Amino acid sequence: MSRFFKHRWLLLAALVGLVASFPPQWYPDAWRIELSQWLGAPAYRALPESEPAAPRSVRAYCPEETPDYRAEYNIAGVRISASPVCQADNPWAVAAFVRGTNQVGPEVLMKSGLAPDTVEKGADLDGDGDPDEIHIRLEVAELNGASPESSEPVMQFEMAPGIKPGLWVFTPRYVGMATENFESLRAREGIRAPSPAIRVEQGDRVLITLENTHYMPHTLHLHGSDHAFRDVSGEGNDGVPIASELPIMPGQSRTYELQLRNTGTKFYHCHVQPQVHVMMGLQGLFIIEENRPDNWLQTLNIGAGHVRASSVGVRAQYDREYDLHYTDVDAELNSMIQASNDVRTVTESMHRRYDVTEATSDYFALNGLSFPFTFRESLVLTKPGERIKLRVVNGGRDGMGLHTHGHTMTVTHRDGIASPPAARVTRDVVWIAPAQRLDLELDT
């Protein structure tokens, strides 16, 4: 009998000890209050000391070396609106794109960094006060690619802190080095993702010369634009290899001849192995503006974003205009140009071994940048009571939903075609398929 009581008391003591070991938060509130009255509040237990972390460098919101390009300027007779974002476009380059690099003075050209023949503007064919002969020269640049002389990628362009995927871009012609200086590996101002937005006027005689400064063949295809399939000499003019013409080999160039009739927001891209070349960054907005008198256009908008010298038609209806170019990056594809500097190895891995059906979207970018760098230059800035025009292209491999918190947008154009007023829709989320373009009207 005594053994029975002894074991019972041991069991009871074990149960009491088990209950007493429960964390206080496990008890009902009434029990916790009662226990604190009996035993007093539990004593404070200091937390263990934190282990000191390695110091990290903190980046300034706006890089200290950023030139003061944000103010309003009047250069070569071109009014360039203020752009309060951290990293605004070079205003001298904007003026040169509006007037023509062949028409501005040496000081403007020098500060822009552009070659004299980058954007040549000629005769006013219809007598309405603006040039109608436009000749644009583009090159192909590789960003964050491998180098036989450095373990670091060269022509560096950061999409986000520490994120430097390999990219290919169309770029205007510059003079001097492709990097900032002899000691820097960073790409110079203006050579960046995305490829520049191109603006021309309805009816203009446009020549676009693509100089292939890259090691792979490329073309230029104007997606959705109405233009002659062949030029005046009978050569292909559409940029689709074999179907239209042979691709432009390294070191060669080709001039595309256009006289565009229909206005709207279009898309241009390379059509060689498009599942690779387009996704590597060889794509950009191609915008055909309505023909208006005295309509001097900003022919190139570097890095897309805020248009600092909008057309006459846009200024008549909107307070501000933005080009928004969305893209995504497959780390497997974009790292191939960083694994080797051998053209044969890169070509085989990208054109033969890469399986686009297994592609993944690892990084997402707006105008070439991902968070938090989007805050530096990709902001859409507005005030109450303003009307903003947004030209949007989805250059990624998947559809996307574009949402404005607290505001709604009206879809005025789809793929460059105006929607009748009765057919326009207003939403706070709009869906954009790959390669699709939308013109949006944002009232604040």
Protein backbone atom coordinates (compact mmCIF):
# COMPACT_ATOMS: atom_id res chain seq x y z
CA MET A 1 0.00 0.00 0.00
CA SER A 2 2.83 2.36 0.92
CA ARG A 3 4.46 1.64 -2.46
CA PHE A 4 1.20 2.56 -4.18
CA PHE A 5 1.00 5.92 -2.37
CA LYS A 6 4.66 6.52 -2.97
CA HIS A 7 4.32 5.99 -6.73
CA ARG A 8 1.14 8.05 -6.79
CA TRP A 9 2.89 11.00 -5.14
CA LEU A 10 5.79 10.65 -7.55
CA LEU A 11 3.36 10.69 -10.50
CA LEU A 12 1.56 13.71 -9.04
CA ALA A 13 4.85 15.53 -8.50
CA ALA A 14 5.88 14.78 -12.07
CA LEU A 15 2.57 16.14 -13.40
CA VAL A 16 2.90 19.31 -11.28
CA GLY A 17 6.47 19.77 -12.49
CA LEU A 18 5.39 19.29 -16.08
CA VAL A 19 2.60 21.84 -15.78
CA ALA A 20 4.91 24.28 -13.98
CA SER A 21 7.40 24.01 -16.85
CA PHE A 22 4.85 25.16 -19.42
CA PRO A 23 5.55 28.60 -20.90
CA PRO A 24 3.30 31.19 -19.20
CA GLN A 25 1.56 32.01 -22.48
CA TRP A 26 0.17 28.48 -22.55
CA TYR A 27 -1.94 29.08 -19.44
CA PRO A 28 -5.43 30.59 -19.62
CA ASP A 29 -5.48 34.30 -18.74
CA ALA A 30 -7.35 33.64 -15.48
CA TRP A 31 -4.67 31.16 -14.34
CA ARG A 32 -1.86 33.55 -15.26
CA ILE A 33 -3.41 36.33 -13.18
CA GLU A 34 -3.94 33.98 -10.22
CA LEU A 35 -0.37 32.63 -10.41
CA SER A 36 1.11 36.11 -10.56
CA GLN A 37 -0.85 37.03 -7.41
CA TRP A 38 0.46 33.94 -5.59
CA LEU A 39 4.04 33.88 -6.84
CA GLY A 40 4.62 37.39 -8.15
CA ALA A 41 5.39 38.51 -11.67
CA PRO A 42 8.15 36.55 -13.46
CA ALA A 43 11.55 38.17 -13.27
CA TYR A 44 13.06 39.82 -16.36
CA ARG A 45 15.59 37.71 -18.19
CA ALA A 46 18.03 39.58 -20.34
CA LEU A 47 18.38 38.35 -23.90
CA PRO A 48 21.78 37.06 -24.97
CA GLU A 49 24.09 39.63 -26.48
CA SER A 50 23.80 39.97 -30.23
CA GLU A 51 26.76 38.91 -32.25
CA PRO A 52 28.28 41.92 -34.01
CA ALA A 53 27.52 41.87 -37.72
CA ALA A 54 30.06 42.72 -40.33
CA PRO A 55 29.76 46.38 -41.35
CA ARG A 56 27.91 46.95 -44.62
CA SER A 57 28.33 49.77 -47.03
CA VAL A 58 25.29 51.99 -47.45
CA ARG A 59 24.52 53.45 -50.85
CA ALA A 60 23.20 56.93 -51.22
CA TYR A 61 19.70 57.21 -52.67
CA CYS A 62 21.14 59.42 -55.39
CA PRO A 63 24.76 58.61 -56.28
CA GLU A 64 27.02 61.51 -55.39
CA GLU A 65 28.57 61.55 -58.85
CA THR A 66 25.17 62.03 -60.55
CA PRO A 67 25.31 65.22 -62.66
CA ASP A 68 22.64 67.82 -62.06
CA TYR A 69 20.49 67.09 -65.09
CA ARG A 70 17.15 67.51 -63.31
CA ALA A 71 16.43 71.21 -63.81
CA GLU A 72 14.49 72.69 -66.71
CA TYR A 73 16.78 73.68 -69.56
CA ASN A 74 16.59 75.59 -72.82
CA ILE A 75 19.36 74.27 -75.05
CA ALA A 76 19.71 75.05 -78.76
CA GLY A 77 16.19 76.44 -78.72
CA VAL A 78 14.75 73.23 -77.24
CA ARG A 79 12.71 73.50 -74.05
CA ILE A 80 13.61 70.50 -71.92
CA SER A 81 11.20 70.02 -69.03
CA ALA A 82 12.41 69.46 -65.49
CA SER A 83 12.75 65.86 -64.36
CA PRO A 84 12.85 65.58 -60.55
CA VAL A 85 13.90 61.91 -60.51
CA CYS A 86 17.31 61.10 -59.09
CA GLN A 87 19.00 60.16 -62.36
CA ALA A 88 17.56 62.26 -65.18
CA ASP A 89 18.56 62.12 -68.84
CA ASN A 90 21.43 64.23 -70.12
CA PRO A 91 19.67 67.43 -71.31
CA TRP A 92 22.33 68.14 -73.96
CA ALA A 93 21.70 64.70 -75.44
CA VAL A 94 17.95 65.40 -75.39
CA ALA A 95 18.53 68.68 -77.27
CA ALA A 96 20.73 66.88 -79.82
CA PHE A 97 18.06 64.22 -80.36
CA VAL A 98 15.45 66.94 -80.97
CA ARG A 99 17.47 69.24 -83.25
CA GLY A 100 19.65 66.56 -84.82
CA THR A 101 23.26 65.82 -83.97
CA ASN A 102 24.21 67.33 -87.34
CA GLN A 103 22.40 70.58 -86.53
CA VAL A 104 23.58 71.48 -83.00
CA GLY A 105 26.74 73.38 -82.13
CA PRO A 106 30.00 71.78 -81.00
CA GLU A 107 29.42 72.59 -77.31
CA VAL A 108 26.06 70.80 -77.23
CA LEU A 109 27.47 67.87 -79.18
CA MET A 110 30.49 67.58 -76.87
CA LYS A 111 28.35 67.62 -73.71
CA SER A 112 25.99 65.05 -75.20
CA GLY A 113 28.84 62.64 -75.99
CA LEU A 114 27.12 61.68 -79.25
CA ALA A 115 28.70 61.26 -82.66
CA PRO A 116 27.86 63.98 -85.23
CA ASP A 117 25.90 61.51 -87.39
CA THR A 118 23.95 59.70 -84.63
CA VAL A 119 20.64 61.39 -85.51
CA GLU A 120 20.81 63.43 -88.69
CA LYS A 121 17.83 65.64 -89.55
CA GLY A 122 17.32 67.09 -93.01
CA ALA A 123 14.79 68.84 -95.21
CA ASP A 124 11.29 69.99 -94.28
CA LEU A 125 9.49 68.18 -97.09
CA ASP A 126 5.93 69.29 -96.29
CA GLY A 127 6.76 72.87 -95.29
CA ASP A 128 5.26 72.62 -91.80
CA GLY A 129 8.30 73.83 -89.87
CA ASP A 130 9.94 70.56 -88.80
CA PRO A 131 12.39 68.16 -90.48
CA ASP A 132 10.96 65.21 -92.39
CA GLU A 133 14.19 63.44 -93.35
CA ILE A 134 15.60 61.50 -90.40
CA HIS A 135 18.64 59.22 -90.36
CA ILE A 136 19.23 57.25 -87.13
CA ARG A 137 22.39 55.21 -86.54
CA LEU A 138 22.38 52.42 -83.96
CA GLU A 139 25.03 50.00 -82.75
CA VAL A 140 24.90 46.81 -80.65
CA ALA A 141 26.57 46.73 -77.23
CA GLU A 142 27.15 43.95 -74.73
CA LEU A 143 26.71 44.75 -71.03
CA ASN A 144 28.20 42.71 -68.18
CA GLY A 145 29.96 40.33 -70.54
CA ALA A 146 33.08 38.24 -69.94
CA SER A 147 36.53 39.60 -70.67
CA PRO A 148 39.82 37.75 -71.25
CA GLU A 149 41.62 40.50 -69.32
CA SER A 150 39.48 40.72 -66.19
CA SER A 151 37.70 38.40 -63.78
CA GLU A 152 34.99 41.04 -63.47
CA PRO A 153 32.38 41.59 -66.19
CA VAL A 154 33.06 44.55 -68.46
CA MET A 155 30.73 47.31 -69.61
CA GLN A 156 29.04 46.95 -66.25
CA PHE A 157 25.41 47.94 -65.78
CA GLU A 158 23.67 47.24 -62.47
CA MET A 159 20.02 46.28 -62.63
CA ALA A 160 19.83 46.24 -58.82
CA PRO A 161 22.48 46.30 -56.06
CA GLY A 162 24.96 43.57 -56.97
CA ILE A 163 22.77 42.25 -59.83
CA LYS A 164 24.58 42.43 -63.18
CA PRO A 165 23.06 40.04 -65.72
CA GLY A 166 24.59 39.81 -69.16
CA LEU A 167 22.63 41.94 -71.65
CA TRP A 168 22.68 43.05 -75.27
CA VAL A 169 21.25 46.44 -76.23
CA PHE A 170 20.83 48.69 -79.22
CA THR A 171 22.58 51.97 -78.52
CA PRO A 172 23.12 55.28 -80.32
CA ARG A 173 26.59 56.08 -81.61
CA TYR A 174 28.86 57.79 -79.10
CA VAL A 175 32.37 59.19 -79.44
CA GLY A 176 35.19 58.03 -77.21
CA MET A 177 35.23 55.04 -74.89
CA ALA A 178 32.35 52.69 -74.19
CA THR A 179 33.24 52.72 -70.47
CA GLU A 180 33.31 55.76 -68.18
CA ASN A 181 37.10 56.06 -68.40
CA PHE A 182 40.29 53.99 -68.72
CA GLU A 183 40.12 52.77 -65.11
CA SER A 184 36.40 52.04 -64.84
CA LEU A 185 34.60 48.89 -65.97
CA ARG A 186 31.21 50.61 -65.87
CA ALA A 187 29.42 51.39 -69.12
CA ARG A 188 29.35 55.05 -70.00
CA GLU A 189 26.26 57.18 -69.59
CA GLY A 190 23.72 56.34 -72.29
CA ILE A 191 24.87 52.76 -72.97
CA ARG A 192 22.35 50.88 -70.88
CA ALA A 193 19.17 48.83 -70.79
CA PRO A 194 16.59 49.05 -72.18
CA SER A 195 17.34 49.91 -75.78
CA PRO A 196 16.24 53.50 -76.49
CA ALA A 197 12.68 54.39 -77.41
CA ILE A 198 12.59 55.73 -80.99
CA ARG A 199 10.19 58.51 -82.06
CA VAL A 200 9.45 59.54 -85.63
CA GLU A 201 6.64 61.51 -87.26
CA GLN A 202 3.95 60.10 -89.48
CA GLY A 203 5.01 60.49 -93.13
CA ASP A 204 8.70 61.17 -92.39
CA ARG A 205 11.31 59.57 -94.62
CA VAL A 206 13.26 57.59 -92.05
CA LEU A 207 16.53 55.72 -92.47
CA ILE A 208 17.76 53.50 -89.64
CA THR A 209 21.29 52.20 -90.07
CA LEU A 210 22.22 49.29 -87.83
CA GLU A 211 25.99 48.94 -87.51
CA ASN A 212 26.72 45.50 -86.12
CA THR A 213 29.49 46.17 -83.59
CA HIS A 214 28.81 42.80 -81.93
CA TYR A 215 30.17 39.29 -82.52
CA MET A 216 26.84 37.73 -83.54
CA PRO A 217 24.59 38.42 -86.55
CA HIS A 218 21.64 40.74 -85.92
CA THR A 219 18.76 42.49 -87.70
CA LEU A 220 16.20 45.19 -86.95
CA HIS A 221 12.51 44.30 -87.23
CA LEU A 222 9.82 46.95 -86.74
CA HIS A 223 7.09 44.90 -85.09
CA GLY A 224 3.61 46.15 -85.99
CA SER A 225 4.76 49.00 -88.27
CA ASP A 226 3.56 49.39 -91.84
CA HIS A 227 6.55 49.78 -94.14
CA ALA A 228 7.82 48.40 -97.42
CA PHE A 229 8.87 44.74 -97.28
CA ARG A 230 11.62 45.57 -99.79
CA ASP A 231 13.57 48.78 -100.31
CA VAL A 232 13.95 50.67 -103.61
CA SER A 233 16.81 48.42 -104.70
CA GLY A 234 14.75 45.27 -104.18
CA GLU A 235 16.58 44.19 -101.05
CA GLY A 236 14.68 42.89 -98.02
CA ASN A 237 13.64 45.62 -95.60
CA ASP A 238 11.74 43.77 -92.87
CA GLY A 239 14.51 42.43 -90.65
CA VAL A 240 13.32 38.79 -90.67
CA PRO A 241 16.34 36.66 -91.68
CA ILE A 242 16.02 34.52 -94.80
CA ALA A 243 12.33 35.45 -95.28
CA SER A 244 13.30 39.07 -95.95
CA GLU A 245 17.10 39.39 -96.09
CA LEU A 246 20.29 37.90 -94.74
CA PRO A 247 21.23 39.00 -91.22
CA ILE A 248 23.85 41.67 -90.65
CA MET A 249 27.13 39.94 -89.91
CA PRO A 250 29.69 41.30 -87.41
CA GLY A 251 31.40 44.40 -88.77
CA GLN A 252 28.72 45.00 -91.40
CA SER A 253 25.84 47.47 -91.51
CA ARG A 254 22.45 47.77 -93.13
CA THR A 255 20.09 50.70 -93.66
CA TYR A 256 16.33 50.20 -93.34
CA GLU A 257 14.13 52.59 -95.34
CA LEU A 258 10.78 53.65 -93.90
CA GLN A 259 7.95 56.04 -94.62
CA LEU A 260 5.39 55.27 -91.97
CA ARG A 261 1.71 56.05 -92.51
CA ASN A 262 0.01 54.86 -89.33
CA THR A 263 0.59 56.45 -85.94
CA GLY A 264 0.89 54.57 -82.68
CA THR A 265 3.13 52.83 -80.17
CA LYS A 266 5.02 50.00 -81.85
CA PHE A 267 7.94 47.72 -80.99
CA TYR A 268 11.32 47.04 -82.59
CA HIS A 269 13.65 44.11 -81.98
CA CYS A 270 16.29 41.82 -83.44
CA HIS A 271 14.81 38.88 -85.36
CA VAL A 272 17.83 36.55 -85.32
CA GLN A 273 17.07 33.67 -82.93
CA PRO A 274 14.43 35.93 -81.33
CA GLN A 275 13.84 33.60 -78.38
CA VAL A 276 17.41 34.48 -77.36
CA HIS A 277 18.26 37.89 -78.86
CA VAL A 278 15.01 39.62 -77.89
CA MET A 279 15.19 38.31 -74.33
CA MET A 280 18.83 39.42 -74.08
CA GLY A 281 17.63 43.02 -74.50
CA LEU A 282 17.61 43.74 -78.25
CA GLN A 283 14.15 45.34 -78.13
CA GLY A 284 12.69 48.81 -77.72
CA LEU A 285 9.66 51.05 -78.15
CA PHE A 286 9.06 52.46 -81.64
CA ILE A 287 6.62 55.38 -81.61
CA ILE A 288 5.06 57.06 -84.64
CA GLU A 289 3.69 60.49 -83.72
CA GLU A 290 0.86 62.30 -85.48
CA ASN A 291 2.00 64.78 -88.14
CA ARG A 292 1.67 68.28 -86.68
CA PRO A 293 3.19 71.65 -87.67
CA ASP A 294 6.47 72.59 -85.96
CA ASN A 295 6.63 69.12 -84.41
CA TRP A 296 10.25 68.67 -83.30
CA LEU A 297 10.50 65.21 -81.75
CA GLN A 298 12.90 63.74 -79.21
CA THR A 299 13.99 61.03 -81.65
CA LEU A 300 15.64 58.84 -78.99
CA ASN A 301 14.67 58.45 -75.34
CA ILE A 302 17.63 56.79 -73.63
CA GLY A 303 16.54 54.21 -71.07
CA ALA A 304 12.87 55.05 -71.77
CA GLY A 305 11.13 56.79 -68.82
CA HIS A 306 10.18 60.47 -68.73
CA VAL A 307 9.97 62.11 -72.15
CA ARG A 308 11.51 65.53 -71.54
CA ALA A 309 10.59 66.97 -74.97
CA SER A 310 7.19 65.60 -75.95
CA SER A 311 5.50 66.06 -79.31
CA VAL A 312 3.05 68.86 -80.11
CA GLY A 313 0.14 66.41 -80.02
CA VAL A 314 1.06 65.04 -76.60
CA ARG A 315 1.66 68.49 -75.08
CA ALA A 316 -1.78 69.61 -76.26
CA GLN A 317 -3.54 66.88 -74.25
CA TYR A 318 -1.24 65.82 -71.43
CA ASP A 319 0.85 67.35 -68.66
CA ARG A 320 3.57 64.71 -68.91
CA GLU A 321 4.54 61.60 -70.87
CA TYR A 322 6.36 58.43 -69.81
CA ASP A 323 7.71 55.44 -71.73
CA LEU A 324 7.45 52.29 -69.58
CA HIS A 325 9.38 49.26 -70.83
CA TYR A 326 8.91 46.09 -68.75
CA THR A 327 11.30 43.14 -69.17
CA ASP A 328 12.38 40.02 -67.33
CA VAL A 329 15.65 38.08 -67.17
CA ASP A 330 16.35 34.35 -67.25
CA ALA A 331 19.55 34.04 -65.20
CA GLU A 332 20.57 30.88 -67.07
CA LEU A 333 20.42 32.57 -70.48
CA ASN A 334 21.90 35.89 -69.44
CA SER A 335 24.83 34.29 -67.61
CA MET A 336 26.03 32.48 -70.74
CA ILE A 337 27.94 35.51 -72.00
CA GLN A 338 29.65 35.74 -68.60
CA ALA A 339 30.85 32.12 -68.60
CA SER A 340 33.10 32.49 -71.64
CA ASN A 341 34.60 35.09 -73.93
CA ASP A 342 34.92 32.57 -76.76
CA VAL A 343 32.39 33.44 -79.47
CA ARG A 344 32.10 29.80 -80.52
CA THR A 345 31.28 28.65 -77.00
CA VAL A 346 28.77 31.45 -76.43
CA THR A 347 27.05 30.85 -79.77
CA GLU A 348 26.74 27.12 -79.19
CA SER A 349 25.38 27.50 -75.65
CA MET A 350 22.83 30.17 -76.62
CA HIS A 351 21.74 29.07 -80.10
CA ARG A 352 21.91 25.29 -79.71
CA ARG A 353 21.85 24.19 -76.09
CA TYR A 354 19.56 26.76 -74.49
CA ASP A 355 16.00 25.40 -74.20
CA VAL A 356 13.50 28.25 -74.23
CA THR A 357 10.72 25.90 -73.07
CA GLU A 358 12.51 25.63 -69.73
CA ALA A 359 13.13 29.36 -69.34
CA THR A 360 12.40 31.01 -66.00
CA SER A 361 11.90 34.66 -65.10
CA ASP A 362 14.42 35.34 -62.32
CA TYR A 363 14.56 39.15 -62.39
CA PHE A 364 11.96 41.71 -63.39
CA ALA A 365 12.81 45.20 -64.58
CA LEU A 366 11.11 48.49 -65.39
CA ASN A 367 13.16 50.57 -67.82
CA GLY A 368 16.14 48.31 -67.22
CA LEU A 369 16.11 48.52 -63.42
CA SER A 370 14.74 46.44 -60.54
CA PHE A 371 13.83 47.47 -57.00
CA PRO A 372 15.24 49.50 -55.30
CA PHE A 373 16.96 51.16 -58.28
CA THR A 374 13.55 51.79 -59.87
CA PHE A 375 13.17 54.62 -57.35
CA ARG A 376 16.14 56.40 -58.88
CA GLU A 377 14.61 57.08 -62.30
CA SER A 378 11.51 54.97 -63.05
CA LEU A 379 9.02 56.89 -60.93
CA VAL A 380 5.89 58.33 -62.51
CA LEU A 381 5.61 61.74 -60.84
CA THR A 382 2.38 63.70 -60.92
CA LYS A 383 0.25 66.22 -59.05
CA PRO A 384 -3.49 66.27 -58.33
CA GLY A 385 -5.51 67.35 -61.34
CA GLU A 386 -2.95 66.31 -63.96
CA ARG A 387 -3.35 64.06 -66.97
CA ILE A 388 -0.42 61.75 -67.75
CA LYS A 389 0.24 59.69 -70.88
CA LEU A 390 1.87 56.29 -70.38
CA ARG A 391 3.21 54.25 -73.30
CA VAL A 392 3.75 50.71 -72.05
CA VAL A 393 5.35 47.66 -73.65
CA ASN A 394 5.70 44.20 -72.14
CA GLY A 395 9.07 42.96 -73.37
CA GLY A 396 9.02 39.91 -71.09
CA ARG A 397 8.17 36.29 -71.78
CA ASP A 398 5.03 36.23 -69.59
CA GLY A 399 1.89 38.33 -69.42
CA MET A 400 1.74 40.93 -66.67
CA GLY A 401 -0.85 42.91 -64.75
CA LEU A 402 -0.08 46.62 -64.36
CA HIS A 403 -1.69 48.21 -61.30
CA THR A 404 -1.78 51.78 -60.01
CA HIS A 405 -2.54 51.98 -56.29
CA GLY A 406 -5.38 54.40 -55.65
CA HIS A 407 -5.79 55.45 -59.29
CA THR A 408 -7.41 54.16 -62.45
CA MET A 409 -6.14 54.18 -66.03
CA THR A 410 -8.02 54.43 -69.31
CA VAL A 411 -6.77 52.31 -72.21
CA THR A 412 -6.79 54.66 -75.22
CA HIS A 413 -4.75 52.54 -77.68
CA ARG A 414 -3.89 48.86 -78.06
CA ASP A 415 -0.84 47.94 -80.13
CA GLY A 416 -0.83 51.44 -81.56
CA ILE A 417 -4.47 51.37 -82.69
CA ALA A 418 -6.83 53.89 -81.10
CA SER A 419 -9.89 52.54 -79.31
CA PRO A 420 -13.17 54.33 -80.10
CA PRO A 421 -14.27 56.42 -77.08
CA ALA A 422 -17.26 54.12 -76.47
CA ALA A 423 -14.96 51.08 -76.40
CA ARG A 424 -12.38 52.47 -73.98
CA VAL A 425 -12.10 50.79 -70.61
CA THR A 426 -10.99 52.26 -67.30
CA ARG A 427 -9.34 49.94 -64.79
CA ASP A 428 -6.94 49.95 -61.87
CA VAL A 429 -5.35 46.77 -63.28
CA VAL A 430 -4.64 46.26 -66.98
CA TRP A 431 -3.35 43.04 -68.52
CA ILE A 432 -0.50 43.21 -71.05
CA ALA A 433 0.54 40.17 -73.09
CA PRO A 434 4.16 39.62 -74.22
CA ALA A 435 5.15 42.13 -76.95
CA GLN A 436 1.85 43.99 -76.49
CA ARG A 437 1.72 47.78 -76.24
CA LEU A 438 -0.86 49.88 -74.44
CA ASP A 439 -1.34 53.64 -74.36
CA LEU A 440 -2.79 54.60 -70.99
CA GLU A 441 -4.34 57.83 -69.75
CA LEU A 442 -3.84 58.50 -66.04
CA ASP A 443 -5.96 61.24 -64.43
CA THR A 444 -4.93 62.22 -60.91
